[in-house]
Protein backbone atom coordinates (compact mmCIF):
# COMPACT_ATOMS: atom_id res chain seq x y z
CA MET A 1 27.16 33.07 -39.12
CA THR A 2 28.56 32.81 -35.65
CA LYS A 3 26.23 32.23 -32.76
CA GLY A 4 27.45 34.89 -30.31
CA ARG A 5 25.02 37.62 -31.24
CA LEU A 6 22.05 35.26 -31.09
CA GLU A 7 23.10 34.03 -27.64
CA ALA A 8 23.59 37.56 -26.29
CA PHE A 9 20.21 38.71 -27.60
CA SER A 10 18.46 35.64 -26.19
CA ASP A 11 20.09 36.12 -22.80
CA GLY A 12 18.92 39.73 -22.75
CA VAL A 13 15.35 38.84 -23.66
CA LEU A 14 15.19 36.13 -21.00
CA ALA A 15 16.58 38.54 -18.38
CA ILE A 16 13.90 41.07 -19.28
CA ILE A 17 11.20 38.38 -19.03
CA ILE A 18 12.30 37.54 -15.49
CA THR A 19 12.46 41.24 -14.59
CA ILE A 20 8.92 41.82 -15.85
CA MET A 21 7.66 38.84 -13.85
CA VAL A 22 9.21 40.03 -10.60
CA LEU A 23 7.81 43.53 -11.11
CA GLU A 24 4.33 41.96 -11.15
CA LEU A 25 4.79 40.97 -7.49
CA LYS A 26 3.08 43.71 -5.53
CA VAL A 27 4.12 44.75 -2.04
CA PRO A 28 1.35 44.37 0.57
CA HIS A 29 0.00 47.62 2.03
CA GLU A 30 0.12 46.20 5.55
CA GLY A 31 3.11 45.04 7.54
CA SER A 32 1.64 41.78 8.85
CA LEU A 33 2.20 38.21 7.75
CA GLU A 34 -1.54 37.97 7.16
CA ALA A 35 -1.15 40.58 4.40
CA LEU A 36 1.00 38.07 2.49
CA ARG A 37 -1.76 35.43 2.30
CA PRO A 38 -3.42 36.84 -0.86
CA LEU A 39 -0.01 36.91 -2.55
CA VAL A 40 0.64 33.17 -2.16
CA PRO A 41 -0.94 32.15 -5.51
CA VAL A 42 0.80 35.03 -7.28
CA PHE A 43 4.14 34.06 -5.75
CA CYS A 44 3.67 30.37 -6.55
CA SER A 45 2.91 31.10 -10.21
CA TYR A 46 5.97 33.40 -10.27
CA VAL A 47 8.20 30.64 -8.86
CA LEU A 48 6.91 28.11 -11.41
CA SER A 49 7.42 30.56 -14.29
CA PHE A 50 10.85 31.58 -13.01
CA ILE A 51 11.82 27.91 -13.04
CA TYR A 52 10.47 27.49 -16.58
CA VAL A 53 12.38 30.52 -17.88
CA GLY A 54 15.47 29.23 -16.08
CA ILE A 55 15.05 25.83 -17.71
CA TYR A 56 14.78 27.38 -21.16
CA TRP A 57 17.79 29.62 -20.50
CA ASN A 58 19.87 26.71 -19.23
CA ASN A 59 18.97 24.36 -22.07
CA HIS A 60 19.29 27.12 -24.67
CA HIS A 61 22.79 27.83 -23.37
CA ASN A 62 23.79 24.18 -23.41
CA MET A 63 22.28 23.61 -26.84
CA PHE A 64 24.06 26.59 -28.41
CA HIS A 65 27.29 25.66 -26.69
CA SER A 66 27.25 22.43 -28.70
CA ILE A 67 26.94 24.09 -32.12
CA GLN A 68 29.29 26.18 -34.18
CA HIS A 69 27.17 28.03 -36.76
CA VAL A 70 23.70 29.43 -37.24
CA ASN A 71 21.78 30.56 -40.31
CA GLY A 72 18.70 32.67 -41.02
CA LYS A 73 16.36 29.76 -40.33
CA VAL A 74 17.89 29.36 -36.87
CA LEU A 75 17.61 33.08 -36.17
CA TRP A 76 13.88 33.07 -37.00
CA ALA A 77 13.26 29.85 -35.08
CA ASN A 78 14.99 31.39 -32.07
CA LEU A 79 12.84 34.53 -32.34
CA HIS A 80 9.77 32.29 -32.52
CA LEU A 81 10.81 30.67 -29.23
CA LEU A 82 11.51 34.05 -27.63
CA PHE A 83 8.07 35.29 -28.71
CA TRP A 84 6.30 32.54 -26.79
CA LEU A 85 8.58 32.92 -23.79
CA SER A 86 7.89 36.67 -23.76
CA LEU A 87 4.22 35.88 -23.09
CA ILE A 88 5.05 34.02 -19.87
CA PRO A 89 4.85 37.16 -17.67
CA VAL A 90 1.32 37.90 -18.91
CA VAL A 91 -0.10 34.43 -18.31
CA THR A 92 1.84 34.12 -15.05
CA ALA A 93 0.24 37.28 -13.69
CA TRP A 94 -3.21 36.27 -14.94
CA MET A 95 -2.98 32.79 -13.44
CA GLY A 96 -1.59 34.17 -10.18
CA GLU A 97 -4.47 36.61 -9.87
CA HIS A 98 -7.10 33.97 -10.75
CA PRO A 99 -5.70 30.61 -9.63
CA GLN A 100 -9.11 28.91 -9.48
CA LYS A 101 -10.28 30.01 -12.93
CA ASN A 102 -10.04 27.70 -15.93
CA TRP A 103 -9.04 30.12 -18.68
CA PRO A 104 -5.92 31.55 -17.01
CA VAL A 105 -4.69 28.01 -16.24
CA ALA A 106 -5.45 26.91 -19.82
CA MET A 107 -3.74 29.94 -21.35
CA TYR A 108 -0.67 29.38 -19.18
CA GLY A 109 -0.52 25.87 -20.59
CA ALA A 110 -1.06 27.15 -24.13
CA VAL A 111 1.95 29.44 -23.85
CA LEU A 112 4.03 26.54 -22.48
CA PHE A 113 2.72 24.31 -25.28
CA PHE A 114 3.66 26.76 -28.02
CA ALA A 115 7.03 27.47 -26.38
CA GLY A 116 7.65 23.71 -26.42
CA ILE A 117 6.70 23.55 -30.10
CA ALA A 118 8.98 26.53 -30.82
CA TYR A 119 11.85 24.84 -28.97
CA TYR A 120 11.31 21.73 -31.11
CA ILE A 121 11.31 23.87 -34.27
CA LEU A 122 14.54 25.51 -33.11
CA THR A 123 16.20 22.12 -32.64
CA ARG A 124 15.11 21.10 -36.14
CA ALA A 125 16.44 24.37 -37.58
CA LEU A 126 19.79 23.70 -35.90
CA LEU A 127 19.84 20.22 -37.38
CA SER A 128 19.08 21.57 -40.85
CA THR A 129 22.30 23.56 -41.01
CA GLY A 130 24.16 20.31 -41.59
CA LYS A 131 27.20 21.71 -39.79
CA ASN A 132 26.20 20.71 -36.29
CA THR A 133 26.75 16.95 -36.25
CA GLU A 134 27.74 16.91 -32.58
CA PHE A 135 24.46 18.64 -31.84
CA ALA A 136 22.55 15.98 -33.81
CA LYS A 137 24.20 13.20 -31.82
CA ALA A 138 23.47 14.93 -28.53
CA LEU A 139 19.84 15.68 -29.39
CA GLY A 140 19.00 12.07 -30.19
CA THR A 141 15.26 11.39 -30.24
CA ASP A 142 14.45 14.37 -27.96
CA PHE A 143 11.97 12.32 -25.96
CA LYS A 144 11.73 14.94 -23.19
CA GLY A 145 10.86 17.66 -25.68
CA LYS A 146 8.16 15.61 -27.36
CA ILE A 147 6.57 14.25 -24.17
CA SER A 148 6.51 17.74 -22.64
CA VAL A 149 4.33 19.08 -25.47
CA VAL A 150 1.96 16.12 -25.10
CA ILE A 151 1.68 16.72 -21.35
CA TYR A 152 0.97 20.43 -21.93
CA ALA A 153 -1.83 19.54 -24.35
CA ILE A 154 -3.36 17.18 -21.79
CA ALA A 155 -3.04 19.84 -19.07
CA ILE A 156 -4.78 22.42 -21.25
CA ALA A 157 -7.71 20.08 -21.86
CA LEU A 158 -7.95 19.15 -18.19
CA SER A 159 -7.84 22.78 -17.03
CA PHE A 160 -11.53 23.13 -17.84
CA TRP A 161 -12.54 20.28 -15.50
CA MET A 162 -9.76 19.84 -12.96
CA HIS A 163 -7.42 22.82 -13.00
CA TRP A 164 -5.46 21.42 -10.06
CA VAL A 165 -4.41 18.46 -12.25
CA SER A 166 -3.16 20.96 -14.83
CA TYR A 167 -1.03 22.62 -12.15
CA ALA A 168 0.38 19.21 -11.21
CA LEU A 169 1.21 18.47 -14.84
CA TYR A 170 2.94 21.84 -15.31
CA ILE A 171 5.00 21.13 -12.19
CA ALA A 172 5.75 17.59 -13.41
CA VAL A 173 7.16 18.87 -16.71
CA ALA A 174 9.24 21.45 -14.85
CA CYS A 175 10.61 18.65 -12.65
CA LEU A 176 11.39 16.61 -15.77
CA TRP A 177 13.53 19.46 -17.14
CA PHE A 178 14.83 20.92 -13.86
CA ILE A 179 18.12 19.05 -14.01
CA PRO A 180 20.03 20.49 -16.98
CA ASP A 181 19.96 18.39 -20.10
CA LYS A 182 23.17 16.33 -19.94
CA ARG A 183 23.02 15.53 -23.64
CA PHE A 184 24.61 18.87 -24.52
CA GLU A 185 27.06 19.22 -21.67
CA HIS A 186 29.73 17.08 -23.26
């Protein structure tokens, strides 16, 4: 199977995810700068999630640019990834509304954790086709993918004692991935 339909569908889903997130930003009822103060945590969680969705979109694009064919296993693995990414608007809004609460911070990390696992599964599904040898060379050991999932797990555990450390870890992983993955750009 060619990959074009999968890429177009994925791009559409990711665009909808970003649209849903921005619609969660509510306009203040007053026209003063002070009215923006309660929106700061909501906006910060939106920015972090926007960056995460952008990272997934960018790396998904680069990864699929390096392959030629997909199969049913890849289609399902891709849907699995999109499922977890589709939950980002929910946990983003919850964390933005309750930035000092443990459960929203933990659930945000859980969605990132499972999205990271799904991304790993997708890479393995792409490798299993046997037709994507350039992809296999580019993927290498996938250290960034593996360490990200470990950091998410640590952040989830820490969210119940020091949620601010969890925020720092989520930001650290985003920084790790912010520059597009050069492995697939050649």
